Amino acid sequence: MAPLHVKFTTRTAARSPRPLPQIRLALEHMSHIRTLVLELPTSDLRTLSLSSPAPLLNTFTLFNWATHDPFPIPDDIFSLVTPSLRQLDLTGCTPSWNSPMFNRLTLLRVKPAESGKPTFTRLLEILSGNPQLESLTLINCLSPPSSDSHPRDPAVLLPMLTTLHLEDEALGCSRLLTSLSVPPTTAFKLSSFASASSHFASLFASIKNLGISIPVLCLEISSSWSRVTLTGYDHPLSASHLMPEEISTTESDINLYSDQTPHIEICLGLSQLTPGLAEVILTEGCSVMDLTRLEEIIAQNPISTSLGMVVESSWRGLFKKWQGVRTLTVVGSRCPEVLAALRNVQRDKTGLETVGPGGSAMTTADSSSSPNPAPDTGTGNPIPLPNLSTLSIKDADLEEFFNSRSSCGPASYLDLLVKSLRWRKKNGKRVETLVLEMCKHIDQDDVDRIGKNVGNVDWDGQDCAGDESEEEDHSY
């Protein structure tokens, strides 16, 4: 008999609402099954027999729908015979962590029930026993701190690892990362939270110690109400940063730029309101990435969060370090600091930041690490993002008004945009292409006003505020 591949997923459920008889029939041939994927609630999983030896089983996925009702994996599952198992994916279960299933793996993904977490020591033993691991995902898998929670010394070596995905509390993540040694090319995804902002300090130190060093070419900065996410790609997400002579229309190149897979992603949140933490996450998060070849930035509403906004001077300090950036995309209109940071400011005698006359300015953040930054024509201070050629504004309300907040206001989004573009043009760093997509309260007069300060304007011709009015009319 040829090897069998048995898969029942949520997609399959729509076509076969009563799958259990067929699954039971397939499990009678366990000795021939190479792939077994079961996505079922605990009530159904309990009715299945998983006791037969599985000598050919290579991939085993067990996904319990009922998160409130964990599925206890039998201690003698498959009669402890799984010599060919290489890929193991368990969700919503309480496994026996001493099972031979956890040996010789190349892929391990575990999201256990709260009651089914391993001890920290046992988890490290499992990892050290799987030096061939290529992909490791641990979601809410770390036990609370205890006497056995000390970092491993020497670290667990995972020389073949290409992907590391970790989701858990900050201190637990820090302990685990300090206990691991992975290749510098490993793709890294971290989603973590903390009850105190101080917990993130050790986490950032552990990430640095991990030594991930692939250059990030595109950096995406986004936020929700209580979380800030930094996503780094080892390739650009668009071809807009390329010079015309560099653009190729071959199918392989088009596929390259449509690849949305990040190489590093750090998502951090706090359980309590802490103003200013968003700024810490941004600056510290950027410090653990290799941004020496950064070409593209995407900022998505980076201040709409309870963790506080990132102030203009911090953006400007980063922009002066990122000399190679040629493309900036700003999504939404709740990030005026990003636009304001595209021009320099000067400090008056009180130490407050003000826009300098004629574009003259003084730097407001350390830029000593920038190699030969371009100066503005007023005072010779570094120009933020001196090589910026393409600025994209998406889903912004050009009439949104900002009260006095550093040099951002009082002004409308449109006025702020024009002011920054005019400053760059006057200082010899004109934005060549401005892209306007899905914006609100915009018309041709606005586009013409903006166009005086850039090389060309690529406007999609839409005023999305009109679409909102139509939706409101239809709602009655």
Protein backbone atom coordinates (compact mmCIF):
# COMPACT_ATOMS: atom_id res chain seq x y z
CA MET A 1 0.00 0.00 0.00
CA ALA A 2 1.25 3.48 -0.88
CA PRO A 3 1.83 5.97 1.96
CA LEU A 4 -1.36 7.69 3.11
CA HIS A 5 -1.97 11.38 3.78
CA VAL A 6 -4.91 11.97 6.10
CA LYS A 7 -6.00 15.59 6.53
CA PHE A 8 -9.12 16.98 8.13
CA THR A 9 -9.06 20.76 8.54
CA THR A 10 -11.60 23.54 8.96
CA ARG A 11 -11.77 23.75 5.16
CA THR A 12 -12.58 20.06 4.92
CA ALA A 13 -15.36 20.45 7.49
CA ALA A 14 -17.45 22.49 5.06
CA ARG A 15 -17.45 19.61 2.57
CA SER A 16 -17.72 16.78 5.10
CA PRO A 17 -19.72 17.84 8.18
CA ARG A 18 -19.60 14.31 9.69
CA PRO A 19 -15.99 13.18 9.21
CA LEU A 20 -15.46 10.86 12.18
CA PRO A 21 -16.41 7.57 10.46
CA GLN A 22 -14.01 8.29 7.59
CA ILE A 23 -11.23 9.34 9.98
CA ARG A 24 -11.66 6.19 12.09
CA LEU A 25 -11.48 4.10 8.94
CA ALA A 26 -8.26 5.82 7.87
CA LEU A 27 -6.67 5.39 11.31
CA GLU A 28 -7.04 1.63 10.95
CA HIS A 29 -4.16 1.93 8.47
CA MET A 30 -1.89 3.90 10.82
CA SER A 31 1.16 1.88 9.80
CA HIS A 32 0.86 3.37 6.29
CA ILE A 33 0.05 6.97 7.21
CA ARG A 34 2.80 9.50 6.42
CA THR A 35 0.83 12.71 7.10
CA LEU A 36 -1.86 13.05 9.76
CA VAL A 37 -3.61 16.41 10.23
CA LEU A 38 -6.59 16.56 12.58
CA GLU A 39 -8.39 19.83 13.37
CA LEU A 40 -11.22 18.82 15.69
CA PRO A 41 -12.69 19.72 19.09
CA THR A 42 -11.70 17.68 22.14
CA SER A 43 -15.07 15.92 22.17
CA ASP A 44 -14.29 14.41 18.75
CA LEU A 45 -10.60 13.77 19.40
CA ARG A 46 -11.47 11.67 22.46
CA THR A 47 -13.40 9.24 20.25
CA LEU A 48 -10.43 8.48 18.00
CA SER A 49 -7.95 5.70 18.56
CA LEU A 50 -4.36 6.93 18.30
CA SER A 51 -2.73 3.90 19.88
CA SER A 52 -1.42 2.02 16.84
CA PRO A 53 2.29 2.25 15.92
CA ALA A 54 3.10 4.89 13.28
CA PRO A 55 6.40 3.81 11.70
CA LEU A 56 5.99 5.98 8.56
CA LEU A 57 4.45 9.05 10.18
CA ASN A 58 6.46 12.11 9.10
CA THR A 59 4.04 14.98 9.82
CA PHE A 60 1.59 15.13 12.72
CA THR A 61 -0.71 18.10 13.34
CA LEU A 62 -3.23 18.06 16.17
CA PHE A 63 -5.37 21.19 16.47
CA ASN A 64 -8.02 21.31 19.19
CA TRP A 65 -10.77 23.79 18.34
CA ALA A 66 -12.13 23.89 21.88
CA THR A 67 -9.54 26.02 23.66
CA HIS A 68 -11.61 25.93 26.87
CA ASP A 69 -11.43 22.12 26.88
CA PRO A 70 -7.80 20.93 26.44
CA PHE A 71 -7.21 17.59 24.79
CA PRO A 72 -4.96 15.29 26.89
CA ILE A 73 -2.70 13.47 24.45
CA PRO A 74 -2.36 9.84 25.62
CA ASP A 75 1.02 9.02 27.15
CA ASP A 76 1.29 5.97 24.88
CA ILE A 77 0.17 7.71 21.68
CA PHE A 78 1.11 5.64 18.62
CA SER A 79 2.43 3.00 21.08
CA LEU A 80 5.49 5.27 21.40
CA VAL A 81 6.55 4.22 17.88
CA THR A 82 7.18 7.27 15.65
CA PRO A 83 10.72 6.79 14.27
CA SER A 84 10.05 8.83 11.10
CA LEU A 85 8.32 11.80 12.74
CA ARG A 86 10.01 15.06 11.73
CA GLN A 87 7.25 17.69 11.86
CA LEU A 88 5.11 18.07 14.99
CA ASP A 89 2.39 20.72 15.43
CA LEU A 90 0.23 20.70 18.58
CA THR A 91 -2.42 23.28 19.55
CA GLY A 92 -4.78 23.24 22.53
CA CYS A 93 -3.40 20.00 23.93
CA THR A 94 -1.67 18.74 27.07
CA PRO A 95 1.08 16.44 25.79
CA SER A 96 3.41 14.21 27.70
CA TRP A 97 6.66 16.16 27.36
CA ASN A 98 8.68 12.96 27.85
CA SER A 99 7.16 11.39 24.75
CA PRO A 100 9.58 10.16 22.06
CA MET A 101 7.52 12.28 19.64
CA PHE A 102 9.70 15.21 20.72
CA ASN A 103 12.88 13.65 19.31
CA ARG A 104 14.60 13.97 15.90
CA LEU A 105 12.35 16.83 14.75
CA THR A 106 13.01 19.40 12.02
CA LEU A 107 9.82 21.36 12.76
CA LEU A 108 8.23 21.92 16.16
CA ARG A 109 5.21 24.13 16.71
CA VAL A 110 3.47 24.04 20.10
CA LYS A 111 0.64 26.13 21.52
CA PRO A 112 -0.34 24.10 24.58
CA ALA A 113 -3.21 24.51 26.95
CA GLU A 114 -2.41 26.58 30.04
CA SER A 115 -2.27 23.40 32.11
CA GLY A 116 0.01 21.64 29.62
CA LYS A 117 3.16 23.75 29.66
CA PRO A 118 6.53 22.04 30.20
CA THR A 119 8.98 23.11 32.88
CA PHE A 120 11.70 25.44 31.63
CA THR A 121 14.34 22.76 32.21
CA ARG A 122 12.39 20.14 30.26
CA LEU A 123 11.79 22.54 27.38
CA LEU A 124 15.52 23.19 27.07
CA GLU A 125 16.18 19.43 27.21
CA ILE A 126 13.77 18.91 24.33
CA LEU A 127 15.42 21.65 22.27
CA SER A 128 18.93 20.39 22.97
CA GLY A 129 17.80 16.93 21.82
CA ASN A 130 16.70 18.31 18.45
CA PRO A 131 19.82 19.86 16.87
CA GLN A 132 18.29 19.36 13.40
CA LEU A 133 15.43 21.77 14.10
CA GLU A 134 14.82 24.09 11.16
CA SER A 135 11.60 25.73 12.38
CA LEU A 136 10.62 26.39 16.01
CA THR A 137 7.35 28.01 17.13
CA LEU A 138 6.47 28.28 20.82
CA ILE A 139 3.22 30.12 21.61
CA ASN A 140 2.33 30.62 25.28
CA CYS A 141 4.53 27.64 26.03
CA LEU A 142 6.72 29.07 28.79
CA SER A 143 5.99 28.25 32.43
CA PRO A 144 5.99 31.03 35.03
CA PRO A 145 9.38 31.77 36.63
CA SER A 146 10.54 29.18 39.14
CA SER A 147 13.74 27.88 40.66
CA ASP A 148 14.56 26.01 37.42
CA SER A 149 14.03 29.03 35.15
CA HIS A 150 17.65 30.16 34.95
CA PRO A 151 19.11 30.62 31.44
CA ARG A 152 21.04 27.66 30.06
CA ASP A 153 24.83 27.86 30.18
CA PRO A 154 26.17 26.87 27.76
CA ALA A 155 23.37 27.83 25.39
CA VAL A 156 21.37 25.23 23.46
CA LEU A 157 22.81 25.02 19.94
CA LEU A 158 20.32 24.99 17.06
CA PRO A 159 22.69 25.28 14.08
CA MET A 160 20.09 24.38 11.42
CA LEU A 161 17.36 26.77 12.57
CA THR A 162 15.91 29.02 9.85
CA THR A 163 12.73 30.23 11.60
CA LEU A 164 12.13 31.13 15.26
CA HIS A 165 8.66 32.28 16.37
CA LEU A 166 8.05 33.07 20.03
CA GLU A 167 4.93 34.45 21.75
CA ASP A 168 4.89 34.85 25.53
CA GLU A 169 5.52 37.11 28.52
CA ALA A 170 8.63 39.30 28.25
CA LEU A 171 10.73 37.85 31.08
CA GLY A 172 10.04 34.29 29.96
CA CYS A 173 11.00 35.15 26.38
CA SER A 174 14.17 36.80 27.64
CA ARG A 175 15.20 33.70 29.60
CA LEU A 176 14.61 31.43 26.64
CA LEU A 177 16.40 33.63 24.10
CA THR A 178 19.39 33.92 26.43
CA SER A 179 19.50 30.11 26.49
CA LEU A 180 19.61 29.66 22.71
CA SER A 181 22.31 29.90 20.07
CA VAL A 182 20.98 30.20 16.51
CA PRO A 183 22.43 31.16 13.10
CA PRO A 184 22.53 34.92 12.44
CA THR A 185 20.37 34.36 9.34
CA THR A 186 17.43 32.95 11.32
CA ALA A 187 14.07 34.58 10.59
CA PHE A 188 12.77 35.84 13.93
CA LYS A 189 9.21 36.66 15.03
CA LEU A 190 8.47 37.80 18.59
CA SER A 191 5.15 38.77 20.14
CA SER A 192 5.46 39.63 23.81
CA PHE A 193 3.79 41.51 26.63
CA ALA A 194 4.76 42.69 30.10
CA SER A 195 3.20 43.95 33.29
CA ALA A 196 5.99 46.52 33.71
CA SER A 197 7.97 48.44 31.10
CA SER A 198 11.24 47.52 32.85
CA HIS A 199 10.75 43.91 31.74
CA PHE A 200 11.44 44.94 28.16
CA ALA A 201 15.00 46.01 28.99
CA SER A 202 16.17 42.44 29.56
CA LEU A 203 14.18 41.28 26.54
CA PHE A 204 15.95 43.72 24.20
CA ALA A 205 19.30 42.66 25.68
CA SER A 206 18.46 39.01 24.98
CA ILE A 207 17.44 39.78 21.39
CA LYS A 208 20.76 41.55 20.83
CA ASN A 209 22.57 38.58 22.35
CA LEU A 210 20.76 36.29 19.90
CA GLY A 211 22.77 37.93 17.12
CA ILE A 212 20.25 38.07 14.26
CA SER A 213 22.12 40.12 11.67
CA ILE A 214 20.42 39.95 8.27
CA PRO A 215 20.27 43.50 6.80
CA VAL A 216 16.77 44.98 6.82
CA LEU A 217 15.90 46.76 3.55
CA CYS A 218 12.29 47.64 4.44
CA LEU A 219 11.03 48.57 7.91
CA GLU A 220 7.31 48.68 8.70
CA ILE A 221 6.19 50.46 11.88
CA SER A 222 2.60 49.98 13.04
CA SER A 223 0.52 49.93 16.19
CA SER A 224 -2.76 48.96 17.76
CA TRP A 225 -4.18 50.46 20.94
CA SER A 226 -1.73 48.73 23.29
CA ARG A 227 0.93 47.21 21.03
CA VAL A 228 3.70 48.44 18.76
CA THR A 229 4.99 46.26 15.93
CA LEU A 230 8.28 46.60 14.05
CA THR A 231 8.53 44.42 10.96
CA GLY A 232 11.76 44.14 8.99
CA TYR A 233 12.05 42.67 5.49
CA ASP A 234 15.28 41.60 3.85
CA HIS A 235 13.85 42.87 0.55
CA PRO A 236 11.86 45.94 -0.52
CA LEU A 237 8.08 45.66 -0.66
CA SER A 238 7.77 47.83 -3.74
CA ALA A 239 9.88 48.80 -6.72
CA SER A 240 9.25 52.52 -6.15
CA HIS A 241 12.68 52.96 -4.56
CA LEU A 242 14.47 51.81 -7.72
CA MET A 243 15.95 54.10 -10.33
CA PRO A 244 14.37 53.72 -13.82
CA GLU A 245 17.44 51.96 -15.20
CA GLU A 246 17.22 49.40 -12.35
CA ILE A 247 13.62 48.39 -12.93
CA SER A 248 13.06 45.05 -14.66
CA THR A 249 9.68 43.78 -15.76
CA THR A 250 10.57 40.11 -15.72
CA GLU A 251 8.16 37.82 -13.91
CA SER A 252 10.80 36.76 -11.37
CA ASP A 253 11.42 40.37 -10.34
CA ILE A 254 7.71 41.06 -9.99
CA ASN A 255 7.38 38.05 -7.70
CA LEU A 256 10.33 39.28 -5.64
CA TYR A 257 8.65 42.56 -4.80
CA SER A 258 5.30 40.91 -4.03
CA ASP A 259 6.90 38.71 -1.34
CA GLN A 260 5.40 39.82 1.98
CA THR A 261 7.38 37.49 4.26
CA PRO A 262 9.25 39.45 6.97
CA HIS A 263 12.66 38.41 8.24
CA ILE A 264 12.24 39.94 11.68
CA GLU A 265 9.07 41.00 13.49
CA ILE A 266 8.87 42.38 17.02
CA CYS A 267 5.44 43.05 18.52
CA LEU A 268 5.41 44.33 22.10
CA GLY A 269 2.59 45.43 24.38
CA LEU A 270 1.93 46.40 27.96
CA SER A 271 -1.01 45.49 30.18
CA GLN A 272 -1.18 48.99 31.65
CA LEU A 273 -1.07 52.53 30.29
CA THR A 274 2.52 53.77 30.10
CA PRO A 275 3.00 57.00 28.11
CA GLY A 276 6.27 57.05 26.23
CA LEU A 277 6.68 53.30 25.91
CA ALA A 278 5.94 53.40 22.18
CA GLU A 279 9.00 55.59 21.74
CA VAL A 280 11.14 53.18 23.77
CA ILE A 281 9.93 50.21 21.73
CA LEU A 282 10.69 52.03 18.47
CA THR A 283 14.18 53.18 19.38
CA GLU A 284 15.23 50.00 21.22
CA GLY A 285 13.58 47.75 18.63
CA CYS A 286 15.45 49.46 15.82
CA SER A 287 18.70 49.02 17.75
CA VAL A 288 18.42 45.21 17.55
CA MET A 289 18.01 45.26 13.76
CA ASP A 290 20.68 45.72 11.10
CA LEU A 291 19.40 48.89 9.40
CA THR A 292 22.66 49.82 7.66
CA ARG A 293 21.09 49.09 4.24
CA LEU A 294 17.58 50.35 4.96
CA GLU A 295 15.88 51.62 1.78
CA GLU A 296 12.18 51.77 2.57
CA ILE A 297 10.02 52.77 5.57
CA ILE A 298 6.29 52.17 6.06
CA ALA A 299 4.66 54.02 8.97
CA GLN A 300 1.10 53.01 9.85
CA ASN A 301 -0.65 55.15 12.48
CA PRO A 302 2.32 54.83 14.84
CA ILE A 303 0.79 57.00 17.57
CA SER A 304 -2.73 55.62 17.84
CA THR A 305 -1.82 53.66 20.94
CA SER A 306 -2.25 53.86 24.70
CA LEU A 307 1.52 53.48 25.00
CA GLY A 308 2.03 57.07 23.91
CA MET A 309 3.23 58.75 20.75
CA VAL A 310 6.71 58.80 19.28
CA VAL A 311 7.82 62.42 19.45
CA GLU A 312 9.03 64.30 16.42
CA SER A 313 12.62 64.66 17.62
CA SER A 314 12.95 60.88 17.96
CA TRP A 315 11.74 60.34 14.40
CA ARG A 316 14.15 63.02 13.20
CA GLY A 317 17.04 61.42 15.05
CA LEU A 318 16.32 58.09 13.37
CA PHE A 319 15.81 59.70 9.96
CA LYS A 320 19.24 61.30 10.16
CA LYS A 321 20.82 57.90 10.73
CA TRP A 322 18.97 56.20 7.88
CA GLN A 323 20.89 57.79 5.03
CA GLY A 324 19.98 55.22 2.38
CA VAL A 325 16.18 55.44 2.58
CA ARG A 326 14.62 56.36 -0.75
CA THR A 327 10.97 55.45 -0.14
CA LEU A 328 8.70 56.48 2.74
CA THR A 329 5.05 55.41 2.97
CA VAL A 330 2.80 57.02 5.58
CA VAL A 331 -0.54 55.26 6.11
CA GLY A 332 -3.30 57.19 7.87
CA SER A 333 -3.24 60.76 9.12
CA ARG A 334 -2.55 60.17 12.81
CA CYS A 335 1.20 60.42 12.49
CA PRO A 336 2.01 64.10 11.87
CA GLU A 337 5.35 63.69 13.69
CA VAL A 338 6.60 61.54 10.81
CA LEU A 339 5.91 64.28 8.27
CA ALA A 340 7.24 67.04 10.54
CA ALA A 341 10.47 65.07 11.03
CA LEU A 342 11.23 65.35 7.31
CA ARG A 343 12.47 68.90 7.93
CA ASN A 344 14.83 70.36 10.50
CA VAL A 345 13.93 72.62 13.41
CA GLN A 346 15.91 74.90 15.67
CA ARG A 347 15.73 75.41 19.41
CA ASP A 348 14.96 78.83 20.83
CA LYS A 349 16.49 80.17 24.05
CA THR A 350 13.94 78.25 26.12
CA GLY A 351 14.97 74.95 24.53
CA LEU A 352 11.69 74.55 22.63
CA GLU A 353 11.74 73.34 19.05
CA THR A 354 10.59 75.77 16.37
CA VAL A 355 10.74 75.72 12.60
CA GLY A 356 13.76 77.72 11.53
CA PRO A 357 13.38 80.68 9.19
CA GLY A 358 14.06 79.77 5.63
CA GLY A 359 14.50 76.17 6.65
CA SER A 360 17.48 76.79 8.92
CA ALA A 361 17.68 74.32 11.76
CA MET A 362 19.66 72.64 14.45
CA THR A 363 19.65 68.89 15.01
CA THR A 364 17.43 67.77 17.88
CA ALA A 365 18.65 64.20 18.20
CA ASP A 366 21.97 62.43 18.12
CA SER A 367 23.07 61.67 14.58
CA SER A 368 26.73 61.00 15.28
CA SER A 369 26.40 57.48 13.91
CA SER A 370 25.39 58.78 10.47
CA PRO A 371 28.18 58.59 7.89
CA ASN A 372 28.65 62.03 6.33
CA PRO A 373 25.00 63.12 6.59
CA ALA A 374 23.81 65.69 4.07
CA PRO A 375 23.59 69.23 5.53
CA ASP A 376 20.79 71.72 4.97
CA THR A 377 21.65 75.03 3.34
CA GLY A 378 20.79 77.13 6.40
CA THR A 379 23.13 75.91 9.10
CA GLY A 380 24.88 72.83 7.74
CA ASN A 381 22.96 70.46 10.01
CA PRO A 382 22.05 66.96 8.74
CA ILE A 383 18.95 66.64 6.58
CA PRO A 384 16.58 63.83 7.62
CA LEU A 385 16.37 61.05 5.01
CA PRO A 386 18.62 62.98 2.59
CA ASN A 387 18.13 60.47 -0.25
CA LEU A 388 14.34 60.31 -0.02
CA SER A 389 12.91 60.36 -3.55
CA THR A 390 9.43 58.84 -3.17
CA LEU A 391 6.86 59.75 -0.52
CA SER A 392 3.54 57.88 -0.47
CA ILE A 393 0.55 59.16 1.51
CA LYS A 394 -2.25 56.63 1.88
CA ASP A 395 -5.65 56.79 3.58
CA ALA A 396 -5.01 60.24 5.06
CA ASP A 397 -7.53 62.99 5.82
CA LEU A 398 -5.95 66.16 4.48
CA GLU A 399 -8.32 68.33 6.53
CA GLU A 400 -7.46 66.70 9.85
CA PHE A 401 -6.24 69.42 12.18
CA PHE A 402 -3.47 69.09 14.74
CA ASN A 403 -3.23 71.35 17.76
CA SER A 404 0.10 72.69 18.95
CA ARG A 405 2.33 69.65 19.36
CA SER A 406 6.00 70.43 18.82
CA SER A 407 6.26 71.89 15.29
CA CYS A 408 3.33 69.81 13.98
CA GLY A 409 0.67 72.36 14.77
CA PRO A 410 -1.53 74.16 14.85
CA ALA A 411 -1.93 73.04 11.24
CA SER A 412 -3.94 70.77 9.00
CA TYR A 413 -2.45 67.59 7.55
CA LEU A 414 -2.29 69.29 4.16
CA ASP A 415 -0.47 72.34 5.54
CA LEU A 416 1.98 70.13 7.41
CA LEU A 417 2.69 68.09 4.27
CA VAL A 418 3.24 71.19 2.13
CA LYS A 419 5.48 72.77 4.77
CA SER A 420 7.79 69.74 4.91
CA LEU A 421 7.92 69.36 1.13
CA ARG A 422 8.67 73.06 0.66
CA TRP A 423 11.49 72.87 3.21
CA ARG A 424 13.09 69.90 1.46
CA LYS A 425 12.87 71.58 -1.93
CA LYS A 426 14.47 74.77 -0.60
CA ASN A 427 17.33 72.77 0.91
CA GLY A 428 18.07 70.86 -2.29
CA LYS A 429 16.47 67.56 -1.23
CA ARG A 430 13.21 67.72 -3.17
CA VAL A 431 10.92 64.71 -3.12
CA GLU A 432 10.75 63.59 -6.74
CA THR A 433 7.53 61.56 -6.58
CA LEU A 434 4.59 62.05 -4.24
CA VAL A 435 1.96 59.31 -4.32
CA LEU A 436 -1.53 60.09 -2.98
CA GLU A 437 -3.86 57.10 -2.59
CA MET A 438 -7.30 56.79 -0.97
CA CYS A 439 -7.04 60.21 0.67
CA LYS A 440 -9.96 62.23 2.06
CA HIS A 441 -10.88 65.88 1.48
CA ILE A 442 -8.60 66.29 -1.51
CA ASP A 443 -9.20 67.98 -4.86
CA GLN A 444 -7.21 69.13 -7.86
CA ASP A 445 -6.40 72.48 -6.24
CA ASP A 446 -4.78 70.64 -3.33
CA VAL A 447 -2.81 68.48 -5.73
CA ASP A 448 -1.62 71.55 -7.64
CA ARG A 449 -0.55 73.24 -4.40
CA ILE A 450 1.42 70.19 -3.35
CA GLY A 451 2.87 69.73 -6.82
CA LYS A 452 4.77 73.02 -6.66
CA ASN A 453 7.13 71.45 -4.14
CA VAL A 454 7.80 68.03 -5.68
CA GLY A 455 8.92 66.61 -9.00
CA ASN A 456 5.57 65.04 -9.81
CA VAL A 457 2.36 63.98 -8.08
CA ASP A 458 0.79 60.57 -8.67
CA TRP A 459 -2.79 61.01 -7.42
CA ASP A 460 -5.38 58.28 -7.83
CA GLY A 461 -8.04 60.95 -8.47
CA GLN A 462 -10.22 59.87 -5.55
CA ASP A 463 -11.66 61.84 -2.66
CA CYS A 464 -12.59 59.07 -0.26
CA ALA A 465 -14.48 61.51 1.97
CA GLY A 466 -17.14 61.50 -0.73
CA ASP A 467 -17.42 57.72 -0.41
CA GLU A 468 -18.04 58.11 3.32
CA SER A 469 -20.90 60.56 2.68
CA GLU A 470 -22.54 58.11 0.29
CA GLU A 471 -22.28 55.32 2.87
CA GLU A 472 -23.91 57.55 5.50
CA ASP A 473 -26.76 58.39 3.11
CA HIS A 474 -27.40 54.69 2.43
CA SER A 475 -27.42 53.88 6.15
CA TYR A 476 -30.74 55.67 6.74
